[in-house]
Amino acid sequence: DRLPQLQGAYVYGDYSTGKIWAGRH
């Protein structure tokens, strides 16, 4: 509930660069 803009999104990242992405399908 805290991040409504990410509701239903797959959230993942990268060990080396520290970047985090989100996407919906």
PDB file of all heavy atoms in Angstrom:
ATOM      1  N   ASP A   1       0.806  -1.228   0.000  1.00  0.00           N
ATOM      2  CA  ASP A   1       0.000   0.000   0.000  1.00  0.00           C
ATOM      3  C   ASP A   1       0.838   1.277   0.000  1.00  0.00           C
ATOM      4  O   ASP A   1       0.341   2.341  -0.357  1.00  0.00           O
ATOM      5  CB  ASP A   1      -0.917   0.016   1.233  1.00  0.00           C
ATOM      6  CG  ASP A   1      -1.909  -1.125   1.229  1.00  0.00           C
ATOM      7  OD1 ASP A   1      -2.355  -1.506   0.119  1.00  0.00           O
ATOM      8  OD2 ASP A   1      -2.233  -1.649   2.319  1.00  0.00           O
ATOM      9  N   ARG A   2       2.103   1.201   0.389  1.00  0.00           N
ATOM     10  CA  ARG A   2       2.908   2.410   0.586  1.00  0.00           C
ATOM     11  C   ARG A   2       3.356   3.031  -0.725  1.00  0.00           C
ATOM     12  O   ARG A   2       3.636   4.223  -0.773  1.00  0.00           O
ATOM     13  CB  ARG A   2       4.118   2.087   1.461  1.00  0.00           C
ATOM     14  CG  ARG A   2       3.750   1.664   2.869  1.00  0.00           C
ATOM     15  CD  ARG A   2       4.970   1.397   3.716  1.00  0.00           C
ATOM     16  NE  ARG A   2       5.764   2.614   3.910  1.00  0.00           N
ATOM     17  CZ  ARG A   2       6.904   2.647   4.594  1.00  0.00           C
ATOM     18  NH1 ARG A   2       7.370   1.531   5.140  1.00  0.00           N
ATOM     19  NH2 ARG A   2       7.562   3.781   4.733  1.00  0.00           N
ATOM     20  N   LEU A   3       3.446   2.222  -1.793  1.00  0.00           N
ATOM     21  CA  LEU A   3       3.923   2.719  -3.077  1.00  0.00           C
ATOM     22  C   LEU A   3       2.875   2.415  -4.155  1.00  0.00           C
ATOM     23  O   LEU A   3       3.033   1.497  -4.960  1.00  0.00           O
ATOM     24  CB  LEU A   3       5.267   2.069  -3.437  1.00  0.00           C
ATOM     25  CG  LEU A   3       6.401   2.275  -2.425  1.00  0.00           C
ATOM     26  CD1 LEU A   3       7.584   1.380  -2.764  1.00  0.00           C
ATOM     27  CD2 LEU A   3       6.831   3.738  -2.383  1.00  0.00           C
ATOM     28  N   PRO A   4       1.775   3.176  -4.177  1.00  0.00           N
ATOM     29  CA  PRO A   4       0.674   2.859  -5.108  1.00  0.00           C
ATOM     30  C   PRO A   4       1.083   2.897  -6.568  1.00  0.00           C
ATOM     31  O   PRO A   4       0.497   2.206  -7.395  1.00  0.00           O
ATOM     32  CB  PRO A   4      -0.379   3.929  -4.792  1.00  0.00           C
ATOM     33  CG  PRO A   4       0.369   5.020  -4.088  1.00  0.00           C
ATOM     34  CD  PRO A   4       1.463   4.345  -3.340  1.00  0.00           C
ATOM     35  N   GLN A   5       2.119   3.673  -6.898  1.00  0.00           N
ATOM     36  CA  GLN A   5       2.559   3.753  -8.289  1.00  0.00           C
ATOM     37  C   GLN A   5       3.200   2.458  -8.760  1.00  0.00           C
ATOM     38  O   GLN A   5       3.355   2.233  -9.964  1.00  0.00           O
ATOM     39  CB  GLN A   5       3.539   4.920  -8.479  1.00  0.00           C
ATOM     40  CG  GLN A   5       4.884   4.757  -7.818  1.00  0.00           C
ATOM     41  CD  GLN A   5       4.920   5.185  -6.363  1.00  0.00           C
ATOM     42  OE1 GLN A   5       3.895   5.194  -5.675  1.00  0.00           O
ATOM     43  NE2 GLN A   5       6.103   5.573  -5.889  1.00  0.00           N
ATOM     44  N   LEU A   6       3.571   1.583  -7.817  1.00  0.00           N
ATOM     45  CA  LEU A   6       4.182   0.301  -8.167  1.00  0.00           C
ATOM     46  C   LEU A   6       3.212  -0.869  -8.038  1.00  0.00           C
ATOM     47  O   LEU A   6       3.600  -2.017  -8.231  1.00  0.00           O
ATOM     48  CB  LEU A   6       5.398   0.035  -7.271  1.00  0.00           C
ATOM     49  CG  LEU A   6       6.585   0.984  -7.424  1.00  0.00           C
ATOM     50  CD1 LEU A   6       7.719   0.552  -6.499  1.00  0.00           C
ATOM     51  CD2 LEU A   6       7.071   1.043  -8.866  1.00  0.00           C
ATOM     52  N   GLN A   7       1.969  -0.596  -7.739  1.00  0.00           N
ATOM     53  CA  GLN A   7       0.994  -1.667  -7.538  1.00  0.00           C
ATOM     54  C   GLN A   7       0.932  -2.584  -8.767  1.00  0.00           C
ATOM     55  O   GLN A   7       0.724  -2.138  -9.888  1.00  0.00           O
ATOM     56  CB  GLN A   7      -0.384  -1.068  -7.273  1.00  0.00           C
ATOM     57  CG  GLN A   7      -1.451  -2.072  -6.923  1.00  0.00           C
ATOM     58  CD  GLN A   7      -1.202  -2.789  -5.612  1.00  0.00           C
ATOM     59  OE1 GLN A   7      -1.334  -4.011  -5.546  1.00  0.00           O
ATOM     60  NE2 GLN A   7      -0.830  -2.048  -4.582  1.00  0.00           N
ATOM     61  N   GLY A   8       1.161  -3.872  -8.528  1.00  0.00           N
ATOM     62  CA  GLY A   8       1.101  -4.857  -9.598  1.00  0.00           C
ATOM     63  C   GLY A   8       2.323  -4.920 -10.490  1.00  0.00           C
ATOM     64  O   GLY A   8       2.327  -5.658 -11.472  1.00  0.00           O
ATOM     65  N   ALA A   9       3.368  -4.162 -10.160  1.00  0.00           N
ATOM     66  CA  ALA A   9       4.581  -4.145 -10.982  1.00  0.00           C
ATOM     67  C   ALA A   9       5.609  -5.148 -10.458  1.00  0.00           C
ATOM     68  O   ALA A   9       5.735  -5.357  -9.245  1.00  0.00           O
ATOM     69  CB  ALA A   9       5.194  -2.753 -11.007  1.00  0.00           C
ATOM     70  N   TYR A  10       6.330  -5.751 -11.376  1.00  0.00           N
ATOM     71  CA  TYR A  10       7.456  -6.611 -11.030  1.00  0.00           C
ATOM     72  C   TYR A  10       8.663  -5.711 -10.783  1.00  0.00           C
ATOM     73  O   TYR A  10       9.073  -4.934 -11.653  1.00  0.00           O
ATOM     74  CB  TYR A  10       7.735  -7.589 -12.166  1.00  0.00           C
ATOM     75  CG  TYR A  10       8.930  -8.498 -11.933  1.00  0.00           C
ATOM     76  CD1 TYR A  10       8.871  -9.540 -11.012  1.00  0.00           C
ATOM     77  CD2 TYR A  10      10.113  -8.316 -12.647  1.00  0.00           C
ATOM     78  CE1 TYR A  10       9.963 -10.377 -10.807  1.00  0.00           C
ATOM     79  CE2 TYR A  10      11.203  -9.153 -12.455  1.00  0.00           C
ATOM     80  CZ  TYR A  10      11.116 -10.181 -11.533  1.00  0.00           C
ATOM     81  OH  TYR A  10      12.197 -10.998 -11.336  1.00  0.00           O
ATOM     82  N   VAL A  11       9.251  -5.819  -9.594  1.00  0.00           N
ATOM     83  CA  VAL A  11      10.372  -4.965  -9.187  1.00  0.00           C
ATOM     84  C   VAL A  11      11.624  -5.835  -9.079  1.00  0.00           C
ATOM     85  O   VAL A  11      11.619  -6.872  -8.417  1.00  0.00           O
ATOM     86  CB  VAL A  11      10.083  -4.282  -7.839  1.00  0.00           C
ATOM     87  CG1 VAL A  11      11.251  -3.371  -7.438  1.00  0.00           C
ATOM     88  CG2 VAL A  11       8.777  -3.489  -7.902  1.00  0.00           C
ATOM     89  N   TYR A  12      12.704  -5.412  -9.735  1.00  0.00           N
ATOM     90  CA  TYR A  12      13.930  -6.202  -9.764  1.00  0.00           C
ATOM     91  C   TYR A  12      15.122  -5.263  -9.861  1.00  0.00           C
ATOM     92  O   TYR A  12      14.971  -4.046 -10.024  1.00  0.00           O
ATOM     93  CB  TYR A  12      13.913  -7.175 -10.950  1.00  0.00           C
ATOM     94  CG  TYR A  12      13.886  -6.510 -12.312  1.00  0.00           C
ATOM     95  CD1 TYR A  12      15.046  -6.387 -13.073  1.00  0.00           C
ATOM     96  CD2 TYR A  12      12.707  -5.989 -12.832  1.00  0.00           C
ATOM     97  CE1 TYR A  12      15.032  -5.771 -14.323  1.00  0.00           C
ATOM     98  CE2 TYR A  12      12.675  -5.375 -14.074  1.00  0.00           C
ATOM     99  CZ  TYR A  12      13.837  -5.268 -14.809  1.00  0.00           C
ATOM    100  OH  TYR A  12      13.825  -4.645 -16.036  1.00  0.00           O
ATOM    101  N   GLY A  13      16.336  -5.803  -9.751  1.00  0.00           N
ATOM    102  CA  GLY A  13      17.504  -4.929  -9.751  1.00  0.00           C
ATOM    103  C   GLY A  13      18.758  -5.612 -10.272  1.00  0.00           C
ATOM    104  O   GLY A  13      18.707  -6.683 -10.869  1.00  0.00           O
ATOM    105  N   ASP A  14      19.907  -4.971  -9.994  1.00  0.00           N
ATOM    106  CA  ASP A  14      21.177  -5.470 -10.490  1.00  0.00           C
ATOM    107  C   ASP A  14      22.221  -5.397  -9.387  1.00  0.00           C
ATOM    108  O   ASP A  14      22.383  -4.355  -8.734  1.00  0.00           O
ATOM    109  CB  ASP A  14      21.633  -4.648 -11.694  1.00  0.00           C
ATOM    110  CG  ASP A  14      22.895  -5.229 -12.326  1.00  0.00           C
ATOM    111  OD1 ASP A  14      22.792  -6.297 -12.954  1.00  0.00           O
ATOM    112  OD2 ASP A  14      23.975  -4.622 -12.178  1.00  0.00           O
ATOM    113  N   TYR A  15      22.940  -6.496  -9.198  1.00  0.00           N
ATOM    114  CA  TYR A  15      23.957  -6.555  -8.151  1.00  0.00           C
ATOM    115  C   TYR A  15      25.100  -5.587  -8.416  1.00  0.00           C
ATOM    116  O   TYR A  15      25.595  -4.916  -7.499  1.00  0.00           O
ATOM    117  CB  TYR A  15      24.502  -7.985  -8.050  1.00  0.00           C
ATOM    118  CG  TYR A  15      25.650  -8.129  -7.080  1.00  0.00           C
ATOM    119  CD1 TYR A  15      25.408  -8.298  -5.721  1.00  0.00           C
ATOM    120  CD2 TYR A  15      26.973  -8.087  -7.514  1.00  0.00           C
ATOM    121  CE1 TYR A  15      26.455  -8.413  -4.816  1.00  0.00           C
ATOM    122  CE2 TYR A  15      28.022  -8.211  -6.621  1.00  0.00           C
ATOM    123  CZ  TYR A  15      27.762  -8.366  -5.272  1.00  0.00           C
ATOM    124  OH  TYR A  15      28.791  -8.480  -4.383  1.00  0.00           O
ATOM    125  N   SER A  16      25.548  -5.509  -9.644  1.00  0.00           N
ATOM    126  CA  SER A  16      26.758  -4.747  -9.960  1.00  0.00           C
ATOM    127  C   SER A  16      26.529  -3.244 -10.031  1.00  0.00           C
ATOM    128  O   SER A  16      27.377  -2.467  -9.595  1.00  0.00           O
ATOM    129  CB  SER A  16      27.346  -5.234 -11.287  1.00  0.00           C
ATOM    130  OG  SER A  16      27.781  -6.570 -11.183  1.00  0.00           O
ATOM    131  N   THR A  17      25.419  -2.819 -10.595  1.00  0.00           N
ATOM    132  CA  THR A  17      25.186  -1.381 -10.787  1.00  0.00           C
ATOM    133  C   THR A  17      24.284  -0.766  -9.724  1.00  0.00           C
ATOM    134  O   THR A  17      24.237   0.452  -9.593  1.00  0.00           O
ATOM    135  CB  THR A  17      24.559  -1.109 -12.162  1.00  0.00           C
ATOM    136  OG1 THR A  17      23.242  -1.683 -12.210  1.00  0.00           O
ATOM    137  CG2 THR A  17      25.414  -1.701 -13.275  1.00  0.00           C
ATOM    138  N   GLY A  18      23.549  -1.583  -8.980  1.00  0.00           N
ATOM    139  CA  GLY A  18      22.655  -1.072  -7.951  1.00  0.00           C
ATOM    140  C   GLY A  18      21.358  -0.484  -8.482  1.00  0.00           C
ATOM    141  O   GLY A  18      20.552   0.037  -7.704  1.00  0.00           O
ATOM    142  N   LYS A  19      21.143  -0.546  -9.765  1.00  0.00           N
ATOM    143  CA  LYS A  19      19.917   0.005 -10.344  1.00  0.00           C
ATOM    144  C   LYS A  19      18.723  -0.901 -10.035  1.00  0.00           C
ATOM    145  O   LYS A  19      18.853  -2.125  -9.915  1.00  0.00           O
ATOM    146  CB  LYS A  19      20.062   0.177 -11.852  1.00  0.00           C
ATOM    147  CG  LYS A  19      21.047   1.266 -12.267  1.00  0.00           C
ATOM    148  CD  LYS A  19      21.126   1.367 -13.787  1.00  0.00           C
ATOM    149  CE  LYS A  19      22.098   2.453 -14.228  1.00  0.00           C
ATOM    150  NZ  LYS A  19      21.622   3.803 -13.871  1.00  0.00           N
ATOM    151  N   ILE A  20      17.549  -0.275  -9.918  1.00  0.00           N
ATOM    152  CA  ILE A  20      16.299  -1.001  -9.686  1.00  0.00           C
ATOM    153  C   ILE A  20      15.288  -0.554 -10.732  1.00  0.00           C
ATOM    154  O   ILE A  20      15.152   0.642 -11.009  1.00  0.00           O
ATOM    155  CB  ILE A  20      15.743  -0.745  -8.267  1.00  0.00           C
ATOM    156  CG1 ILE A  20      16.764  -1.204  -7.213  1.00  0.00           C
ATOM    157  CG2 ILE A  20      14.412  -1.454  -8.068  1.00  0.00           C
ATOM    158  CD1 ILE A  20      16.352  -0.871  -5.789  1.00  0.00           C
ATOM    159  N   TRP A  21      14.586  -1.543 -11.308  1.00  0.00           N
ATOM    160  CA  TRP A  21      13.561  -1.261 -12.312  1.00  0.00           C
ATOM    161  C   TRP A  21      12.231  -1.859 -11.874  1.00  0.00           C
ATOM    162  O   TRP A  21      12.168  -2.708 -10.985  1.00  0.00           O
ATOM    163  CB  TRP A  21      13.930  -1.886 -13.653  1.00  0.00           C
ATOM    164  CG  TRP A  21      15.180  -1.380 -14.281  1.00  0.00           C
ATOM    165  CD1 TRP A  21      15.306  -0.348 -15.164  1.00  0.00           C
ATOM    166  CD2 TRP A  21      16.510  -1.880 -14.095  1.00  0.00           C
ATOM    167  NE1 TRP A  21      16.620  -0.178 -15.536  1.00  0.00           N
ATOM    168  CE2 TRP A  21      17.388  -1.104 -14.892  1.00  0.00           C
ATOM    169  CE3 TRP A  21      17.043  -2.916 -13.330  1.00  0.00           C
ATOM    170  CZ2 TRP A  21      18.743  -1.337 -14.946  1.00  0.00           C
ATOM    171  CZ3 TRP A  21      18.399  -3.147 -13.373  1.00  0.00           C
ATOM    172  CH2 TRP A  21      19.242  -2.365 -14.168  1.00  0.00           C
ATOM    173  N   ALA A  22      11.165  -1.404 -12.528  1.00  0.00           N
ATOM    174  CA  ALA A  22       9.841  -1.982 -12.322  1.00  0.00           C
ATOM    175  C   ALA A  22       9.128  -2.031 -13.664  1.00  0.00           C
ATOM    176  O   ALA A  22       9.351  -1.173 -14.533  1.00  0.00           O
ATOM    177  CB  ALA A  22       9.037  -1.159 -11.319  1.00  0.00           C
ATOM    178  N   GLY A  23       8.286  -3.037 -13.832  1.00  0.00           N
ATOM    179  CA  GLY A  23       7.537  -3.149 -15.078  1.00  0.00           C
ATOM    180  C   GLY A  23       6.238  -3.897 -14.865  1.00  0.00           C
ATOM    181  O   GLY A  23       6.126  -4.734 -13.952  1.00  0.00           O
ATOM    182  N   ARG A  24       5.264  -3.600 -15.709  1.00  0.00           N
ATOM    183  CA  ARG A  24       3.973  -4.296 -15.658  1.00  0.00           C
ATOM    184  C   ARG A  24       3.717  -5.023 -16.965  1.00  0.00           C
ATOM    185  O   ARG A  24       4.075  -4.538 -18.037  1.00  0.00           O
ATOM    186  CB  ARG A  24       2.821  -3.314 -15.404  1.00  0.00           C
ATOM    187  CG  ARG A  24       2.772  -2.712 -14.031  1.00  0.00           C
ATOM    188  CD  ARG A  24       1.454  -1.970 -13.791  1.00  0.00           C
ATOM    189  NE  ARG A  24       1.462  -1.275 -12.520  1.00  0.00           N
ATOM    190  CZ  ARG A  24       1.913  -0.029 -12.350  1.00  0.00           C
ATOM    191  NH1 ARG A  24       2.386   0.642 -13.397  1.00  0.00           N
ATOM    192  NH2 ARG A  24       1.900   0.528 -11.163  1.00  0.00           N
ATOM    193  N   HIS A  25       3.050  -6.152 -16.837  1.00  0.00           N
ATOM    194  CA  HIS A  25       2.637  -6.960 -17.984  1.00  0.00           C
ATOM    195  C   HIS A  25       1.151  -7.265 -17.807  1.00  0.00           C
ATOM    196  O   HIS A  25       0.729  -7.695 -16.737  1.00  0.00           O
ATOM    197  CB  HIS A  25       3.459  -8.256 -18.032  1.00  0.00           C
ATOM    198  CG  HIS A  25       3.397  -8.983 -19.324  1.00  0.00           C
ATOM    199  ND1 HIS A  25       2.292  -9.714 -19.713  1.00  0.00           N
ATOM    200  CD2 HIS A  25       4.310  -9.108 -20.321  1.00  0.00           C
ATOM    201  CE1 HIS A  25       2.522 -10.252 -20.890  1.00  0.00           C
ATOM    202  NE2 HIS A  25       3.735  -9.907 -21.288  1.00  0.00           N
TER     203      HIS A  25
END
